[in-house]
Amino acid sequence: MKIILFCLTVLLTGSLRTSEVRAAEIIAVKNGHRIDITIDGKHFTSYCFSGDGKYPFFYPLNGPLSGGSVTSLRNAVYPHHTSLFLGCDMVNGGNYWQEGPDLGRILSLNACIAGQGGDTAVITDECIWIRPGAFSPVRDMRKYTITAPSSAMIQIDFDITLEMLTDVTIQKTNHSLFSARMASDLSVANGGTMINARGDTGEKETFGIPSPWIDYHGKRGNFTEGLTIMQHPSNPWYPSPWFTRDYGFMSPTPMYWPENGEETFLEKGTKLRLRYRVIIHSGNHREAGIAGEFEKYKILK
């Protein structure tokens, strides 16, 4: 009887792989000042937006094999690196990147779950850049879309529009825009690999080089996990050069290489739409098919 039922199941489904390739169940739950995301019942990440924090960020970003974060929450040498985040220093005299709320901070106003369940979760937020005694220079609108294309890959699409509320001058700075701080065990300094779309590796070859994407991966026991940041071709300054560090940091940023060599000026009312895809994956960049994944991403409207 069991054999008959087994064969009947195969006949009706057409494949033994139906359950293996089913869409992941992604659930978002708001808990105080964070939104927790689970995938098939396992915690993947949290969007953290505490009112007394420096800026909103994602942590952890748990790998599909280890279940441990591929990013680091804090670092003793560089405590202003917080996992996966967006910020900027040297904005009209304010610092919306490094520690110290009096220097400036990015405040979440309306983080909410716009969609959840099924194979996708969507989070939206409105943020205001503030500091004591100064006019707010920037407001931004954010949309994060979390999906799991396979059991070996999870992705977050970031769609962020920055609106200049006044004339904004950003002095040359390496502390700017979208960034990731990798877990120390995946860093180049500890045996990991950082590689861009051209095949350049490590800080020496990738620093200051424009590239559509960079992947950072390393060994964890008997397997490999990593994280990729992709820039969408519609972004201003695409492809931005990268600020990279072998200790585990990467950021696609034009602000360290401004066009006039000194600063970036943005007129009041200017809106900058910035789009990034972050992929957390098992395997190295080849095994994860990162080059092919970018080809899919770049044609996304």
C-alpha atoms as a PDB file:
ATOM      1  CA  MET A   1       0.000   0.000   0.000  1.00  0.00           C
ATOM      2  CA  LYS A   2       2.837   2.413   0.857  1.00  0.00           C
ATOM      3  CA  ILE A   3       4.474   1.732  -2.502  1.00  0.00           C
ATOM      4  CA  ILE A   4       1.208   2.402  -4.325  1.00  0.00           C
ATOM      5  CA  LEU A   5       0.705   5.702  -2.480  1.00  0.00           C
ATOM      6  CA  PHE A   6       4.310   6.690  -3.186  1.00  0.00           C
ATOM      7  CA  CYS A   7       3.908   6.035  -6.920  1.00  0.00           C
ATOM      8  CA  LEU A   8       0.586   7.863  -6.970  1.00  0.00           C
ATOM      9  CA  THR A   9       2.257  10.919  -5.390  1.00  0.00           C
ATOM     10  CA  VAL A  10       4.946  10.909  -8.053  1.00  0.00           C
ATOM     11  CA  LEU A  11       2.326  10.562 -10.799  1.00  0.00           C
ATOM     12  CA  LEU A  12       0.236  13.468  -9.509  1.00  0.00           C
ATOM     13  CA  THR A  13       3.135  15.836  -8.801  1.00  0.00           C
ATOM     14  CA  GLY A  14       5.203  14.845 -11.822  1.00  0.00           C
ATOM     15  CA  SER A  15       8.382  14.921  -9.756  1.00  0.00           C
ATOM     16  CA  LEU A  16       9.909  13.900  -6.455  1.00  0.00           C
ATOM     17  CA  ARG A  17      11.413  17.398  -6.289  1.00  0.00           C
ATOM     18  CA  THR A  18       8.118  19.258  -5.853  1.00  0.00           C
ATOM     19  CA  SER A  19       8.581  19.696  -2.110  1.00  0.00           C
ATOM     20  CA  GLU A  20      12.255  20.561  -2.567  1.00  0.00           C
ATOM     21  CA  VAL A  21      11.637  23.465  -4.904  1.00  0.00           C
ATOM     22  CA  ARG A  22       8.528  24.875  -3.260  1.00  0.00           C
ATOM     23  CA  ALA A  23       8.604  28.587  -2.464  1.00  0.00           C
ATOM     24  CA  ALA A  24       9.950  29.493   0.954  1.00  0.00           C
ATOM     25  CA  GLU A  25       7.522  30.830   3.538  1.00  0.00           C
ATOM     26  CA  ILE A  26       8.675  34.299   4.553  1.00  0.00           C
ATOM     27  CA  ILE A  27       7.046  35.979   7.538  1.00  0.00           C
ATOM     28  CA  ALA A  28       7.590  39.482   8.956  1.00  0.00           C
ATOM     29  CA  VAL A  29       6.649  40.395  12.531  1.00  0.00           C
ATOM     30  CA  LYS A  30       7.037  43.802  14.173  1.00  0.00           C
ATOM     31  CA  ASN A  31       8.498  43.644  17.670  1.00  0.00           C
ATOM     32  CA  GLY A  32       8.995  47.076  19.218  1.00  0.00           C
ATOM     33  CA  HIS A  33      11.761  48.889  17.350  1.00  0.00           C
ATOM     34  CA  ARG A  34      12.543  46.076  14.952  1.00  0.00           C
ATOM     35  CA  ILE A  35      10.896  43.947  12.284  1.00  0.00           C
ATOM     36  CA  ASP A  36      11.917  40.293  12.404  1.00  0.00           C
ATOM     37  CA  ILE A  37      11.999  38.179   9.256  1.00  0.00           C
ATOM     38  CA  THR A  38      11.789  34.392   9.347  1.00  0.00           C
ATOM     39  CA  ILE A  39      12.213  32.021   6.405  1.00  0.00           C
ATOM     40  CA  ASP A  40      10.580  28.622   6.826  1.00  0.00           C
ATOM     41  CA  GLY A  41      10.432  29.269  10.555  1.00  0.00           C
ATOM     42  CA  LYS A  42      14.112  30.220  10.957  1.00  0.00           C
ATOM     43  CA  HIS A  43      15.216  33.725  11.876  1.00  0.00           C
ATOM     44  CA  PHE A  44      16.955  35.353   8.921  1.00  0.00           C
ATOM     45  CA  THR A  45      17.243  39.047   9.775  1.00  0.00           C
ATOM     46  CA  SER A  46      15.837  41.988  11.696  1.00  0.00           C
ATOM     47  CA  TYR A  47      15.348  45.534  10.483  1.00  0.00           C
ATOM     48  CA  CYS A  48      16.392  47.599  13.527  1.00  0.00           C
ATOM     49  CA  PHE A  49      15.189  51.190  13.856  1.00  0.00           C
ATOM     50  CA  SER A  50      15.481  52.243  17.497  1.00  0.00           C
ATOM     51  CA  GLY A  51      14.706  55.924  18.076  1.00  0.00           C
ATOM     52  CA  ASP A  52      17.981  56.438  19.941  1.00  0.00           C
ATOM     53  CA  GLY A  53      20.159  54.680  17.364  1.00  0.00           C
ATOM     54  CA  LYS A  54      22.481  56.282  14.825  1.00  0.00           C
ATOM     55  CA  TYR A  55      20.587  54.951  11.811  1.00  0.00           C
ATOM     56  CA  PRO A  56      18.389  51.984  10.821  1.00  0.00           C
ATOM     57  CA  PHE A  57      20.212  48.780   9.865  1.00  0.00           C
ATOM     58  CA  PHE A  58      19.782  45.071   9.193  1.00  0.00           C
ATOM     59  CA  TYR A  59      21.242  42.536  11.626  1.00  0.00           C
ATOM     60  CA  PRO A  60      21.811  39.637  11.676  1.00  0.00           C
ATOM     61  CA  LEU A  61      21.984  38.391   8.094  1.00  0.00           C
ATOM     62  CA  ASN A  62      22.051  34.671   8.728  1.00  0.00           C
ATOM     63  CA  GLY A  63      23.690  32.443   6.147  1.00  0.00           C
ATOM     64  CA  PRO A  64      21.612  29.673   4.540  1.00  0.00           C
ATOM     65  CA  LEU A  65      23.939  26.899   5.783  1.00  0.00           C
ATOM     66  CA  SER A  66      25.455  28.034   9.075  1.00  0.00           C
ATOM     67  CA  GLY A  67      22.496  29.975  10.429  1.00  0.00           C
ATOM     68  CA  GLY A  68      25.060  32.507  11.671  1.00  0.00           C
ATOM     69  CA  SER A  69      25.322  36.104  10.518  1.00  0.00           C
ATOM     70  CA  VAL A  70      27.589  36.874   7.566  1.00  0.00           C
ATOM     71  CA  THR A  71      27.834  40.446   8.892  1.00  0.00           C
ATOM     72  CA  SER A  72      29.101  41.926  12.138  1.00  0.00           C
ATOM     73  CA  LEU A  73      27.001  44.080  14.474  1.00  0.00           C
ATOM     74  CA  ARG A  74      29.829  46.004  16.124  1.00  0.00           C
ATOM     75  CA  ASN A  75      33.603  46.159  15.946  1.00  0.00           C
ATOM     76  CA  ALA A  76      35.915  47.389  18.677  1.00  0.00           C
ATOM     77  CA  VAL A  77      38.116  49.329  16.244  1.00  0.00           C
ATOM     78  CA  TYR A  78      35.307  50.668  14.048  1.00  0.00           C
ATOM     79  CA  PRO A  79      32.090  50.690  16.146  1.00  0.00           C
ATOM     80  CA  HIS A  80      30.347  52.856  13.534  1.00  0.00           C
ATOM     81  CA  HIS A  81      30.201  49.893  11.148  1.00  0.00           C
ATOM     82  CA  THR A  82      26.831  48.269  11.837  1.00  0.00           C
ATOM     83  CA  SER A  83      26.185  45.220   9.672  1.00  0.00           C
ATOM     84  CA  LEU A  84      24.232  46.436   6.607  1.00  0.00           C
ATOM     85  CA  PHE A  85      23.285  50.116   6.576  1.00  0.00           C
ATOM     86  CA  LEU A  86      23.093  53.470   4.813  1.00  0.00           C
ATOM     87  CA  GLY A  87      24.546  56.675   6.204  1.00  0.00           C
ATOM     88  CA  CYS A  88      26.849  59.577   5.327  1.00  0.00           C
ATOM     89  CA  ASP A  89      29.430  61.808   6.977  1.00  0.00           C
ATOM     90  CA  MET A  90      30.301  65.431   6.068  1.00  0.00           C
ATOM     91  CA  VAL A  91      26.727  66.428   5.141  1.00  0.00           C
ATOM     92  CA  ASN A  92      26.326  70.206   5.661  1.00  0.00           C
ATOM     93  CA  GLY A  93      28.660  69.915   8.632  1.00  0.00           C
ATOM     94  CA  GLY A  94      26.835  66.941  10.153  1.00  0.00           C
ATOM     95  CA  ASN A  95      27.875  63.328  10.583  1.00  0.00           C
ATOM     96  CA  TYR A  96      25.158  60.775   9.846  1.00  0.00           C
ATOM     97  CA  TRP A  97      27.537  57.819   9.956  1.00  0.00           C
ATOM     98  CA  GLN A  98      29.829  57.710  12.987  1.00  0.00           C
ATOM     99  CA  GLU A  99      28.901  57.386  16.646  1.00  0.00           C
ATOM    100  CA  GLY A 100      27.485  60.347  18.561  1.00  0.00           C
ATOM    101  CA  PRO A 101      23.835  61.396  18.146  1.00  0.00           C
ATOM    102  CA  ASP A 102      24.708  65.070  18.610  1.00  0.00           C
ATOM    103  CA  LEU A 103      26.666  64.925  15.348  1.00  0.00           C
ATOM    104  CA  GLY A 104      23.592  63.790  13.464  1.00  0.00           C
ATOM    105  CA  ARG A 105      21.425  60.711  13.072  1.00  0.00           C
ATOM    106  CA  ILE A 106      18.947  59.155  10.669  1.00  0.00           C
ATOM    107  CA  LEU A 107      15.613  58.703  12.416  1.00  0.00           C
ATOM    108  CA  SER A 108      12.999  56.186  11.292  1.00  0.00           C
ATOM    109  CA  LEU A 109       9.534  57.746  11.234  1.00  0.00           C
ATOM    110  CA  ASN A 110       7.283  55.037   9.883  1.00  0.00           C
ATOM    111  CA  ALA A 111       8.768  51.559   9.587  1.00  0.00           C
ATOM    112  CA  CYS A 112       6.027  49.137   8.648  1.00  0.00           C
ATOM    113  CA  ILE A 113       5.330  45.791   7.030  1.00  0.00           C
ATOM    114  CA  ALA A 114       3.850  46.471   3.610  1.00  0.00           C
ATOM    115  CA  GLY A 115       3.513  42.801   2.697  1.00  0.00           C
ATOM    116  CA  GLN A 116       4.296  39.466   4.327  1.00  0.00           C
ATOM    117  CA  GLY A 117       3.797  35.757   3.954  1.00  0.00           C
ATOM    118  CA  GLY A 118       4.063  33.672   0.836  1.00  0.00           C
ATOM    119  CA  ASP A 119       7.524  33.889  -0.699  1.00  0.00           C
ATOM    120  CA  THR A 120       8.099  37.618  -0.144  1.00  0.00           C
ATOM    121  CA  ALA A 121       8.181  40.182   2.641  1.00  0.00           C
ATOM    122  CA  VAL A 122       8.185  43.937   2.020  1.00  0.00           C
ATOM    123  CA  ILE A 123       9.186  46.605   4.534  1.00  0.00           C
ATOM    124  CA  THR A 124       8.797  50.342   3.972  1.00  0.00           C
ATOM    125  CA  ASP A 125      10.121  53.258   5.996  1.00  0.00           C
ATOM    126  CA  GLU A 126      10.410  57.036   5.929  1.00  0.00           C
ATOM    127  CA  CYS A 127      13.493  58.526   7.554  1.00  0.00           C
ATOM    128  CA  ILE A 128      14.581  62.054   8.431  1.00  0.00           C
ATOM    129  CA  TRP A 129      18.204  63.116   8.850  1.00  0.00           C
ATOM    130  CA  ILE A 130      18.455  65.305  11.972  1.00  0.00           C
ATOM    131  CA  ARG A 131      20.950  66.949  14.311  1.00  0.00           C
ATOM    132  CA  PRO A 132      20.531  69.505  17.123  1.00  0.00           C
ATOM    133  CA  GLY A 133      20.471  73.145  16.048  1.00  0.00           C
ATOM    134  CA  ALA A 134      20.507  72.445  12.317  1.00  0.00           C
ATOM    135  CA  PHE A 135      17.937  72.209   9.536  1.00  0.00           C
ATOM    136  CA  SER A 136      17.341  68.637   8.372  1.00  0.00           C
ATOM    137  CA  PRO A 137      19.238  68.232   5.092  1.00  0.00           C
ATOM    138  CA  VAL A 138      17.698  64.996   3.823  1.00  0.00           C
ATOM    139  CA  ARG A 139      14.540  62.929   3.969  1.00  0.00           C
ATOM    140  CA  ASP A 140      14.497  59.438   2.517  1.00  0.00           C
ATOM    141  CA  MET A 141      11.885  56.863   1.548  1.00  0.00           C
ATOM    142  CA  ARG A 142      12.854  53.196   1.700  1.00  0.00           C
ATOM    143  CA  LYS A 143      11.482  49.941   0.384  1.00  0.00           C
ATOM    144  CA  TYR A 144      13.053  46.594   1.211  1.00  0.00           C
ATOM    145  CA  THR A 145      11.909  43.435  -0.555  1.00  0.00           C
ATOM    146  CA  ILE A 146      13.071  40.115   0.908  1.00  0.00           C
ATOM    147  CA  THR A 147      12.863  36.904  -1.128  1.00  0.00           C
ATOM    148  CA  ALA A 148      14.510  33.457  -1.105  1.00  0.00           C
ATOM    149  CA  PRO A 149      15.076  32.274  -4.691  1.00  0.00           C
ATOM    150  CA  SER A 150      16.482  28.963  -3.437  1.00  0.00           C
ATOM    151  CA  SER A 151      17.539  27.156  -0.288  1.00  0.00           C
ATOM    152  CA  ALA A 152      21.092  28.352  -0.978  1.00  0.00           C
ATOM    153  CA  MET A 153      20.283  32.029  -1.589  1.00  0.00           C
ATOM    154  CA  ILE A 154      18.388  34.869   0.101  1.00  0.00           C
ATOM    155  CA  GLN A 155      18.158  38.358  -1.351  1.00  0.00           C
ATOM    156  CA  ILE A 156      17.097  41.821  -0.228  1.00  0.00           C
ATOM    157  CA  ASP A 157      16.307  44.505  -2.791  1.00  0.00           C
ATOM    158  CA  PHE A 158      16.900  48.028  -1.495  1.00  0.00           C
ATOM    159  CA  ASP A 159      15.065  50.913  -3.158  1.00  0.00           C
ATOM    160  CA  ILE A 160      15.911  54.196  -1.405  1.00  0.00           C
ATOM    161  CA  THR A 161      15.070  57.717  -2.576  1.00  0.00           C
ATOM    162  CA  LEU A 162      16.951  60.594  -0.926  1.00  0.00           C
ATOM    163  CA  GLU A 163      15.287  64.015  -1.144  1.00  0.00           C
ATOM    164  CA  MET A 164      17.350  67.141  -0.464  1.00  0.00           C
ATOM    165  CA  LEU A 165      15.352  69.407   1.883  1.00  0.00           C
ATOM    166  CA  THR A 166      17.874  72.215   1.410  1.00  0.00           C
ATOM    167  CA  ASP A 167      21.034  72.747  -0.626  1.00  0.00           C
ATOM    168  CA  VAL A 168      23.356  69.937   0.432  1.00  0.00           C
ATOM    169  CA  THR A 169      27.144  69.833   0.269  1.00  0.00           C
ATOM    170  CA  ILE A 170      28.913  66.566   1.030  1.00  0.00           C
ATOM    171  CA  GLN A 171      32.637  67.000   1.521  1.00  0.00           C
ATOM    172  CA  LYS A 172      34.900  64.231   0.264  1.00  0.00           C
ATOM    173  CA  THR A 173      34.428  61.311   2.635  1.00  0.00           C
ATOM    174  CA  ASN A 174      34.913  57.568   2.728  1.00  0.00           C
ATOM    175  CA  HIS A 175      32.029  57.274   5.187  1.00  0.00           C
ATOM    176  CA  SER A 176      29.163  57.406   2.756  1.00  0.00           C
ATOM    177  CA  LEU A 177      26.027  55.681   1.506  1.00  0.00           C
ATOM    178  CA  PHE A 178      25.354  51.947   1.323  1.00  0.00           C
ATOM    179  CA  SER A 179      27.748  49.671   3.199  1.00  0.00           C
ATOM    180  CA  ALA A 180      28.314  46.229   4.678  1.00  0.00           C
ATOM    181  CA  ARG A 181      30.616  45.124   7.494  1.00  0.00           C
ATOM    182  CA  MET A 182      31.356  41.440   7.143  1.00  0.00           C
ATOM    183  CA  ALA A 183      31.719  38.961   9.966  1.00  0.00           C
ATOM    184  CA  SER A 184      35.396  38.709  10.884  1.00  0.00           C
ATOM    185  CA  ASP A 185      35.689  35.012   9.987  1.00  0.00           C
ATOM    186  CA  LEU A 186      34.772  35.818   6.371  1.00  0.00           C
ATOM    187  CA  SER A 187      37.192  38.735   5.971  1.00  0.00           C
ATOM    188  CA  VAL A 188      40.192  38.653   3.655  1.00  0.00           C
ATOM    189  CA  ALA A 189      42.354  39.205   6.730  1.00  0.00           C
ATOM    190  CA  ASN A 190      41.130  35.849   8.061  1.00  0.00           C
ATOM    191  CA  GLY A 191      41.344  33.892   4.820  1.00  0.00           C
ATOM    192  CA  GLY A 192      38.180  35.026   3.021  1.00  0.00           C
ATOM    193  CA  THR A 193      37.844  36.354  -0.521  1.00  0.00           C
ATOM    194  CA  MET A 194      36.622  39.720  -1.788  1.00  0.00           C
ATOM    195  CA  ILE A 195      36.161  39.798  -5.556  1.00  0.00           C
ATOM    196  CA  ASN A 196      34.550  42.214  -8.031  1.00  0.00           C
ATOM    197  CA  ALA A 197      32.931  41.702 -11.430  1.00  0.00           C
ATOM    198  CA  ARG A 198      36.295  42.097 -13.204  1.00  0.00           C
ATOM    199  CA  GLY A 199      37.899  39.359 -11.152  1.00  0.00           C
ATOM    200  CA  ASP A 200      39.980  41.781  -9.070  1.00  0.00           C
ATOM    201  CA  THR A 201      40.502  40.510  -5.527  1.00  0.00           C
ATOM    202  CA  GLY A 202      41.326  41.999  -2.150  1.00  0.00           C
ATOM    203  CA  GLU A 203      41.574  45.585  -1.020  1.00  0.00           C
ATOM    204  CA  LYS A 204      44.649  46.344  -3.122  1.00  0.00           C
ATOM    205  CA  GLU A 205      42.910  45.467  -6.410  1.00  0.00           C
ATOM    206  CA  THR A 206      39.300  46.515  -5.668  1.00  0.00           C
ATOM    207  CA  PHE A 207      39.792  49.827  -3.828  1.00  0.00           C
ATOM    208  CA  GLY A 208      38.602  52.758  -5.949  1.00  0.00           C
ATOM    209  CA  ILE A 209      37.651  50.518  -8.881  1.00  0.00           C
ATOM    210  CA  PRO A 210      34.174  50.943 -10.443  1.00  0.00           C
ATOM    211  CA  SER A 211      32.332  47.632 -10.583  1.00  0.00           C
ATOM    212  CA  PRO A 212      28.664  46.566 -10.772  1.00  0.00           C
ATOM    213  CA  TRP A 213      29.138  44.219  -7.811  1.00  0.00           C
ATOM    214  CA  ILE A 214      31.476  42.859  -5.186  1.00  0.00           C
ATOM    215  CA  ASP A 215      31.174  39.498  -3.463  1.00  0.00           C
ATOM    216  CA  TYR A 216      32.714  38.726  -0.069  1.00  0.00           C
ATOM    217  CA  HIS A 217      32.858  35.080   1.014  1.00  0.00           C
ATOM    218  CA  GLY A 218      34.816  32.700   3.189  1.00  0.00           C
ATOM    219  CA  LYS A 219      35.007  29.277   4.745  1.00  0.00           C
ATOM    220  CA  ARG A 220      32.885  28.259   7.702  1.00  0.00           C
ATOM    221  CA  GLY A 221      33.923  24.779   8.717  1.00  0.00           C
ATOM    222  CA  ASN A 222      33.393  22.518   5.725  1.00  0.00           C
ATOM    223  CA  PHE A 223      31.355  24.972   3.677  1.00  0.00           C
ATOM    224  CA  THR A 224      31.478  28.501   2.275  1.00  0.00           C
ATOM    225  CA  GLU A 225      29.083  31.429   2.746  1.00  0.00           C
ATOM    226  CA  GLY A 226      29.129  35.030   1.596  1.00  0.00           C
ATOM    227  CA  LEU A 227      27.376  38.266   0.730  1.00  0.00           C
ATOM    228  CA  THR A 228      27.182  40.242  -2.498  1.00  0.00           C
ATOM    229  CA  ILE A 229      26.257  43.896  -3.018  1.00  0.00           C
ATOM    230  CA  MET A 230      25.027  44.814  -6.500  1.00  0.00           C
ATOM    231  CA  GLN A 231      24.467  48.331  -7.838  1.00  0.00           C
ATOM    232  CA  HIS A 232      21.555  48.829 -10.189  1.00  0.00           C
ATOM    233  CA  PRO A 233      22.537  50.468 -13.508  1.00  0.00           C
ATOM    234  CA  SER A 234      19.902  53.186 -12.972  1.00  0.00           C
ATOM    235  CA  ASN A 235      21.800  54.543  -9.960  1.00  0.00           C
ATOM    236  CA  PRO A 236      23.479  57.951 -10.216  1.00  0.00           C
ATOM    237  CA  TRP A 237      27.246  57.594 -10.750  1.00  0.00           C
ATOM    238  CA  TYR A 238      26.872  53.948 -11.812  1.00  0.00           C
ATOM    239  CA  PRO A 239      29.032  52.006 -11.474  1.00  0.00           C
ATOM    240  CA  SER A 240      30.388  53.749  -8.399  1.00  0.00           C
ATOM    241  CA  PRO A 241      33.932  52.974  -7.308  1.00  0.00           C
ATOM    242  CA  TRP A 242      34.235  50.912  -4.142  1.00  0.00           C
ATOM    243  CA  PHE A 243      35.731  51.706  -0.765  1.00  0.00           C
ATOM    244  CA  THR A 244      37.002  48.308   0.398  1.00  0.00           C
ATOM    245  CA  ARG A 245      38.955  46.907   3.304  1.00  0.00           C
ATOM    246  CA  ASP A 246      40.490  43.478   3.825  1.00  0.00           C
ATOM    247  CA  TYR A 247      39.276  43.515   7.425  1.00  0.00           C
ATOM    248  CA  GLY A 248      35.732  43.073   6.110  1.00  0.00           C
ATOM    249  CA  PHE A 249      34.219  46.287   4.772  1.00  0.00           C
ATOM    250  CA  MET A 250      32.774  47.274   1.394  1.00  0.00           C
ATOM    251  CA  SER A 251      30.815  50.269   0.138  1.00  0.00           C
ATOM    252  CA  PRO A 252      30.004  51.440  -3.397  1.00  0.00           C
ATOM    253  CA  THR A 253      30.396  55.188  -3.023  1.00  0.00           C
ATOM    254  CA  PRO A 254      31.105  58.145  -5.316  1.00  0.00           C
ATOM    255  CA  MET A 255      31.558  60.456  -2.308  1.00  0.00           C
ATOM    256  CA  TYR A 256      35.214  59.540  -1.839  1.00  0.00           C
ATOM    257  CA  TRP A 257      35.867  60.305  -5.495  1.00  0.00           C
ATOM    258  CA  PRO A 258      33.740  63.430  -6.162  1.00  0.00           C
ATOM    259  CA  GLU A 259      33.747  64.733  -9.710  1.00  0.00           C
ATOM    260  CA  ASN A 260      35.431  68.016  -8.758  1.00  0.00           C
ATOM    261  CA  GLY A 261      37.796  66.318  -6.324  1.00  0.00           C
ATOM    262  CA  GLU A 262      36.540  68.143  -3.242  1.00  0.00           C
ATOM    263  CA  GLU A 263      32.795  67.828  -2.699  1.00  0.00           C
ATOM    264  CA  THR A 264      29.420  66.750  -4.026  1.00  0.00           C
ATOM    265  CA  PHE A 265      26.744  69.450  -4.299  1.00  0.00           C
ATOM    266  CA  LEU A 266      23.040  68.605  -4.473  1.00  0.00           C
ATOM    267  CA  GLU A 267      20.497  71.371  -4.968  1.00  0.00           C
ATOM    268  CA  LYS A 268      17.400  71.636  -2.787  1.00  0.00           C
ATOM    269  CA  GLY A 269      14.636  69.451  -4.202  1.00  0.00           C
ATOM    270  CA  THR A 270      17.035  66.984  -5.836  1.00  0.00           C
ATOM    271  CA  LYS A 271      15.923  63.372  -5.512  1.00  0.00           C
ATOM    272  CA  LEU A 272      18.414  60.523  -5.761  1.00  0.00           C
ATOM    273  CA  ARG A 273      17.031  57.035  -6.254  1.00  0.00           C
ATOM    274  CA  LEU A 274      19.516  54.391  -5.129  1.00  0.00           C
ATOM    275  CA  ARG A 275      18.898  50.697  -5.749  1.00  0.00           C
ATOM    276  CA  TYR A 276      20.960  47.788  -4.504  1.00  0.00           C
ATOM    277  CA  ARG A 277      20.512  44.046  -4.376  1.00  0.00           C
ATOM    278  CA  VAL A 278      22.130  42.146  -1.519  1.00  0.00           C
ATOM    279  CA  ILE A 279      22.498  38.387  -1.860  1.00  0.00           C
ATOM    280  CA  ILE A 280      23.370  36.129   1.071  1.00  0.00           C
ATOM    281  CA  HIS A 281      24.490  32.825  -0.344  1.00  0.00           C
ATOM    282  CA  SER A 282      26.212  29.499   0.164  1.00  0.00           C
ATOM    283  CA  GLY A 283      29.285  28.656  -1.897  1.00  0.00           C
ATOM    284  CA  ASN A 284      31.722  31.064  -3.500  1.00  0.00           C
ATOM    285  CA  HIS A 285      30.747  33.655  -6.105  1.00  0.00           C
ATOM    286  CA  ARG A 286      31.000  31.135  -8.959  1.00  0.00           C
ATOM    287  CA  GLU A 287      29.019  28.443  -7.194  1.00  0.00           C
ATOM    288  CA  ALA A 288      26.369  31.008  -6.305  1.00  0.00           C
ATOM    289  CA  GLY A 289      26.238  32.223  -9.913  1.00  0.00           C
ATOM    290  CA  ILE A 290      26.666  35.856  -8.924  1.00  0.00           C
ATOM    291  CA  ALA A 291      27.570  37.078 -12.422  1.00  0.00           C
ATOM    292  CA  GLY A 292      24.384  35.531 -13.792  1.00  0.00           C
ATOM    293  CA  GLU A 293      22.336  36.917 -10.921  1.00  0.00           C
ATOM    294  CA  PHE A 294      23.549  40.404 -11.784  1.00  0.00           C
ATOM    295  CA  GLU A 295      22.443  39.933 -15.387  1.00  0.00           C
ATOM    296  CA  LYS A 296      18.927  39.294 -14.040  1.00  0.00           C
ATOM    297  CA  TYR A 297      19.090  42.276 -11.703  1.00  0.00           C
ATOM    298  CA  LYS A 298      20.362  44.841 -14.205  1.00  0.00           C
ATOM    299  CA  ILE A 299      17.276  44.450 -16.450  1.00  0.00           C
ATOM    300  CA  LEU A 300      14.865  44.856 -13.545  1.00  0.00           C
ATOM    301  CA  LYS A 301      12.763  47.955 -14.120  1.00  0.00           C
END
